[in-house]
Amino acid sequence: MITSELKAGEAVKDVDFTEDDLVVDLVDGRSICVPLVWYPRLLAASQTQRENWRIAGGGFGIHWPDIDEDLSTEGLLRGAPAPHTFAPTDTAAS
């Protein structure tokens, strides 16, 4: 099993968005740019909801309280999109 050790430079410094991407700046000067389509909650969120983020996980995570989304720099560096989730269908009888 391969495990990665978190490095101090991989901590979150800032978060920004383009029209199509999430951009996370790390304290070591690198930027991670990933497509928003990888993260459906962020893609569907309003600009205000996207801008309401907090550093979490000891500096190595990002939390968006308005949409209950959490990402880690480890996952972002690995290129890991959100797992596929399916919305429940409305099966109630009319």
N, C-alpha and C. Protein backbone atom coordinates (compact mmCIF):
# COMPACT_ATOMS: atom_id res chain seq x y z
N MET A 1 0.83 -1.17 0.00
CA MET A 1 0.00 0.00 0.00
C MET A 1 0.88 1.25 0.00
N ILE A 2 0.58 2.15 -0.90
CA ILE A 2 1.33 3.39 -0.98
C ILE A 2 0.53 4.48 -0.26
N THR A 3 1.17 5.15 0.66
CA THR A 3 0.53 6.27 1.33
C THR A 3 1.38 7.50 1.10
N SER A 4 0.71 8.62 0.99
CA SER A 4 1.47 9.86 0.81
C SER A 4 1.48 10.62 2.12
N GLU A 5 2.61 11.20 2.39
CA GLU A 5 2.77 12.00 3.59
C GLU A 5 2.53 13.46 3.23
N LEU A 6 1.70 14.13 4.02
CA LEU A 6 1.44 15.54 3.78
C LEU A 6 2.69 16.35 4.06
N LYS A 7 2.97 17.28 3.17
CA LYS A 7 4.13 18.16 3.33
C LYS A 7 3.63 19.56 3.63
N ALA A 8 4.36 20.29 4.46
CA ALA A 8 3.94 21.62 4.89
C ALA A 8 3.61 22.53 3.72
N GLY A 9 4.36 22.44 2.64
CA GLY A 9 4.13 23.29 1.47
C GLY A 9 2.85 22.99 0.74
N GLU A 10 2.22 21.85 1.02
CA GLU A 10 0.99 21.46 0.35
C GLU A 10 -0.25 21.99 1.06
N ALA A 11 -0.06 22.87 2.03
CA ALA A 11 -1.19 23.49 2.72
C ALA A 11 -1.85 24.53 1.82
N VAL A 12 -3.12 24.75 2.05
CA VAL A 12 -3.91 25.70 1.26
C VAL A 12 -3.55 27.13 1.63
N LYS A 13 -3.33 27.94 0.60
CA LYS A 13 -3.09 29.37 0.80
C LYS A 13 -4.31 30.17 0.37
N ASP A 14 -4.88 29.82 -0.81
CA ASP A 14 -6.01 30.57 -1.35
C ASP A 14 -6.80 29.68 -2.31
N VAL A 15 -8.05 30.05 -2.52
CA VAL A 15 -8.94 29.34 -3.43
C VAL A 15 -9.59 30.36 -4.35
N ASP A 16 -9.66 30.02 -5.63
CA ASP A 16 -10.29 30.91 -6.60
C ASP A 16 -10.99 30.05 -7.64
N PHE A 17 -11.80 30.68 -8.45
CA PHE A 17 -12.54 29.99 -9.50
C PHE A 17 -12.43 30.77 -10.80
N THR A 18 -12.34 30.02 -11.90
CA THR A 18 -12.54 30.60 -13.21
C THR A 18 -13.93 30.15 -13.63
N GLU A 19 -14.32 30.45 -14.83
CA GLU A 19 -15.64 30.00 -15.30
C GLU A 19 -15.77 28.48 -15.25
N ASP A 20 -14.68 27.77 -15.53
CA ASP A 20 -14.73 26.31 -15.64
C ASP A 20 -13.89 25.55 -14.63
N ASP A 21 -13.07 26.24 -13.86
CA ASP A 21 -12.09 25.54 -13.03
C ASP A 21 -12.08 26.02 -11.57
N LEU A 22 -11.63 25.11 -10.72
CA LEU A 22 -11.28 25.43 -9.33
C LEU A 22 -9.77 25.57 -9.30
N VAL A 23 -9.28 26.65 -8.71
CA VAL A 23 -7.85 26.90 -8.61
C VAL A 23 -7.48 27.03 -7.14
N VAL A 24 -6.60 26.15 -6.67
CA VAL A 24 -6.16 26.17 -5.27
C VAL A 24 -4.67 26.50 -5.25
N ASP A 25 -4.34 27.60 -4.59
CA ASP A 25 -2.94 28.00 -4.42
C ASP A 25 -2.41 27.39 -3.13
N LEU A 26 -1.22 26.81 -3.22
CA LEU A 26 -0.58 26.21 -2.06
C LEU A 26 0.48 27.15 -1.49
N VAL A 27 0.84 26.94 -0.24
CA VAL A 27 1.82 27.83 0.40
C VAL A 27 3.19 27.73 -0.24
N ASP A 28 3.49 26.63 -0.93
CA ASP A 28 4.81 26.49 -1.55
C ASP A 28 4.89 27.15 -2.93
N GLY A 29 3.81 27.84 -3.34
CA GLY A 29 3.82 28.57 -4.61
C GLY A 29 3.16 27.85 -5.77
N ARG A 30 2.86 26.57 -5.61
CA ARG A 30 2.17 25.84 -6.68
C ARG A 30 0.70 26.19 -6.69
N SER A 31 0.08 25.99 -7.85
CA SER A 31 -1.37 26.13 -7.99
C SER A 31 -1.90 24.84 -8.60
N ILE A 32 -3.02 24.38 -8.07
CA ILE A 32 -3.70 23.20 -8.60
C ILE A 32 -4.94 23.70 -9.31
N CYS A 33 -5.10 23.34 -10.56
CA CYS A 33 -6.25 23.76 -11.35
C CYS A 33 -6.98 22.50 -11.81
N VAL A 34 -8.24 22.36 -11.40
CA VAL A 34 -9.03 21.18 -11.76
C VAL A 34 -10.38 21.62 -12.30
N PRO A 35 -10.97 20.83 -13.18
CA PRO A 35 -12.26 21.20 -13.76
C PRO A 35 -13.39 21.15 -12.72
N LEU A 36 -14.24 22.16 -12.73
CA LEU A 36 -15.39 22.17 -11.82
C LEU A 36 -16.33 20.99 -12.05
N VAL A 37 -16.38 20.47 -13.26
CA VAL A 37 -17.27 19.33 -13.53
C VAL A 37 -16.89 18.11 -12.70
N TRP A 38 -15.68 18.08 -12.16
CA TRP A 38 -15.27 16.99 -11.27
C TRP A 38 -15.98 17.06 -9.92
N TYR A 39 -16.50 18.23 -9.58
CA TYR A 39 -17.10 18.44 -8.27
C TYR A 39 -18.50 19.03 -8.45
N PRO A 40 -19.50 18.19 -8.65
CA PRO A 40 -20.85 18.64 -8.98
C PRO A 40 -21.44 19.65 -7.99
N ARG A 41 -21.14 19.52 -6.70
CA ARG A 41 -21.68 20.48 -5.74
C ARG A 41 -21.12 21.87 -5.99
N LEU A 42 -19.84 21.96 -6.27
CA LEU A 42 -19.24 23.26 -6.57
C LEU A 42 -19.74 23.80 -7.91
N LEU A 43 -19.90 22.92 -8.88
CA LEU A 43 -20.38 23.33 -10.19
C LEU A 43 -21.78 23.93 -10.09
N ALA A 44 -22.64 23.34 -9.27
CA ALA A 44 -24.02 23.80 -9.12
C ALA A 44 -24.15 24.98 -8.16
N ALA A 45 -23.12 25.26 -7.39
CA ALA A 45 -23.19 26.32 -6.38
C ALA A 45 -23.16 27.71 -7.02
N SER A 46 -23.74 28.65 -6.30
CA SER A 46 -23.68 30.05 -6.75
C SER A 46 -22.27 30.59 -6.48
N GLN A 47 -21.96 31.71 -7.09
CA GLN A 47 -20.66 32.34 -6.86
C GLN A 47 -20.48 32.67 -5.38
N THR A 48 -21.54 33.14 -4.74
CA THR A 48 -21.48 33.47 -3.31
C THR A 48 -21.17 32.23 -2.48
N GLN A 49 -21.81 31.11 -2.80
CA GLN A 49 -21.55 29.86 -2.09
C GLN A 49 -20.11 29.39 -2.32
N ARG A 50 -19.62 29.52 -3.53
CA ARG A 50 -18.24 29.10 -3.83
C ARG A 50 -17.24 29.96 -3.07
N GLU A 51 -17.52 31.23 -2.94
CA GLU A 51 -16.59 32.14 -2.27
C GLU A 51 -16.59 31.98 -0.75
N ASN A 52 -17.59 31.29 -0.21
CA ASN A 52 -17.66 31.07 1.24
C ASN A 52 -16.97 29.74 1.58
N TRP A 53 -15.66 29.78 1.62
CA TRP A 53 -14.87 28.59 1.93
C TRP A 53 -13.99 28.86 3.14
N ARG A 54 -13.55 27.77 3.76
CA ARG A 54 -12.66 27.86 4.92
C ARG A 54 -11.57 26.81 4.79
N ILE A 55 -10.39 27.17 5.28
CA ILE A 55 -9.32 26.18 5.35
C ILE A 55 -9.67 25.22 6.48
N ALA A 56 -9.51 23.93 6.22
CA ALA A 56 -9.86 22.89 7.19
C ALA A 56 -8.75 21.84 7.22
N GLY A 57 -8.95 20.81 8.00
CA GLY A 57 -8.02 19.68 8.00
C GLY A 57 -6.59 20.05 8.33
N GLY A 58 -6.41 20.93 9.30
CA GLY A 58 -5.06 21.31 9.68
C GLY A 58 -4.31 22.09 8.61
N GLY A 59 -5.07 22.70 7.68
CA GLY A 59 -4.46 23.48 6.61
C GLY A 59 -4.42 22.76 5.27
N PHE A 60 -4.76 21.47 5.27
CA PHE A 60 -4.66 20.66 4.07
C PHE A 60 -6.01 20.34 3.43
N GLY A 61 -7.04 21.03 3.87
CA GLY A 61 -8.37 20.81 3.32
C GLY A 61 -9.10 22.12 3.13
N ILE A 62 -10.19 22.05 2.36
CA ILE A 62 -11.05 23.19 2.10
C ILE A 62 -12.48 22.75 2.38
N HIS A 63 -13.22 23.59 3.09
CA HIS A 63 -14.62 23.28 3.42
C HIS A 63 -15.51 24.41 2.95
N TRP A 64 -16.59 24.05 2.26
CA TRP A 64 -17.61 24.99 1.84
C TRP A 64 -18.87 24.69 2.65
N PRO A 65 -19.13 25.46 3.73
CA PRO A 65 -20.25 25.15 4.62
C PRO A 65 -21.62 25.26 3.96
N ASP A 66 -21.79 26.17 3.02
CA ASP A 66 -23.10 26.36 2.39
C ASP A 66 -23.54 25.16 1.57
N ILE A 67 -22.59 24.40 1.06
CA ILE A 67 -22.94 23.25 0.20
C ILE A 67 -22.41 21.93 0.77
N ASP A 68 -21.84 21.98 1.97
CA ASP A 68 -21.31 20.80 2.66
C ASP A 68 -20.34 20.02 1.78
N GLU A 69 -19.37 20.73 1.21
CA GLU A 69 -18.34 20.11 0.36
C GLU A 69 -16.99 20.24 1.04
N ASP A 70 -16.21 19.17 0.97
CA ASP A 70 -14.87 19.15 1.54
C ASP A 70 -13.91 18.54 0.53
N LEU A 71 -12.78 19.21 0.32
CA LEU A 71 -11.73 18.70 -0.55
C LEU A 71 -10.41 18.78 0.18
N SER A 72 -9.50 17.88 -0.17
CA SER A 72 -8.16 17.90 0.42
C SER A 72 -7.12 18.17 -0.65
N THR A 73 -6.02 18.77 -0.23
CA THR A 73 -4.95 19.00 -1.20
C THR A 73 -4.38 17.66 -1.67
N GLU A 74 -4.38 16.67 -0.82
CA GLU A 74 -3.90 15.35 -1.22
C GLU A 74 -4.72 14.81 -2.40
N GLY A 75 -6.05 14.88 -2.29
CA GLY A 75 -6.91 14.43 -3.37
C GLY A 75 -6.76 15.26 -4.62
N LEU A 76 -6.65 16.58 -4.45
CA LEU A 76 -6.48 17.45 -5.60
C LEU A 76 -5.16 17.17 -6.32
N LEU A 77 -4.09 16.96 -5.56
CA LEU A 77 -2.79 16.66 -6.17
C LEU A 77 -2.80 15.30 -6.87
N ARG A 78 -3.59 14.38 -6.36
CA ARG A 78 -3.73 13.05 -6.96
C ARG A 78 -4.59 13.08 -8.21
N GLY A 79 -5.36 14.18 -8.37
CA GLY A 79 -6.27 14.28 -9.52
C GLY A 79 -7.53 13.47 -9.32
N ALA A 80 -8.02 13.45 -8.09
CA ALA A 80 -9.18 12.63 -7.75
C ALA A 80 -10.47 13.43 -7.84
N PRO A 81 -11.32 13.14 -8.84
CA PRO A 81 -12.62 13.80 -8.89
C PRO A 81 -13.53 13.27 -7.80
N ALA A 82 -14.63 13.95 -7.54
CA ALA A 82 -15.60 13.50 -6.54
C ALA A 82 -16.16 12.16 -6.98
N PRO A 83 -16.46 11.28 -6.02
CA PRO A 83 -17.09 10.01 -6.40
C PRO A 83 -18.47 10.29 -7.01
N HIS A 84 -18.88 9.44 -7.93
CA HIS A 84 -20.18 9.62 -8.56
C HIS A 84 -21.26 9.33 -7.53
N THR A 85 -22.17 10.26 -7.38
CA THR A 85 -23.32 10.06 -6.51
C THR A 85 -24.56 10.28 -7.32
N PHE A 86 -25.59 9.59 -6.97
CA PHE A 86 -26.83 9.70 -7.71
C PHE A 86 -27.88 10.29 -6.81
N ALA A 87 -28.60 11.29 -7.33
CA ALA A 87 -29.68 11.91 -6.57
C ALA A 87 -30.82 10.92 -6.51
N PRO A 88 -31.48 10.83 -5.35
CA PRO A 88 -32.62 9.92 -5.26
C PRO A 88 -33.73 10.38 -6.20
N THR A 89 -34.41 9.45 -6.80
CA THR A 89 -35.50 9.78 -7.69
C THR A 89 -36.78 9.89 -6.89
N ASP A 90 -37.69 10.68 -7.40
CA ASP A 90 -38.98 10.86 -6.73
C ASP A 90 -39.87 9.69 -7.09
N THR A 91 -40.08 8.80 -6.12
CA THR A 91 -40.89 7.62 -6.37
C THR A 91 -42.23 7.69 -5.66
N ALA A 92 -42.56 8.85 -5.09
CA ALA A 92 -43.83 8.99 -4.39
C ALA A 92 -44.98 8.96 -5.39
N ALA A 93 -46.02 8.27 -5.00
CA ALA A 93 -47.21 8.18 -5.86
C ALA A 93 -48.00 9.48 -5.79
N SER A 94 -48.59 9.86 -6.91
CA SER A 94 -49.37 11.11 -6.95
C SER A 94 -50.74 10.87 -6.41
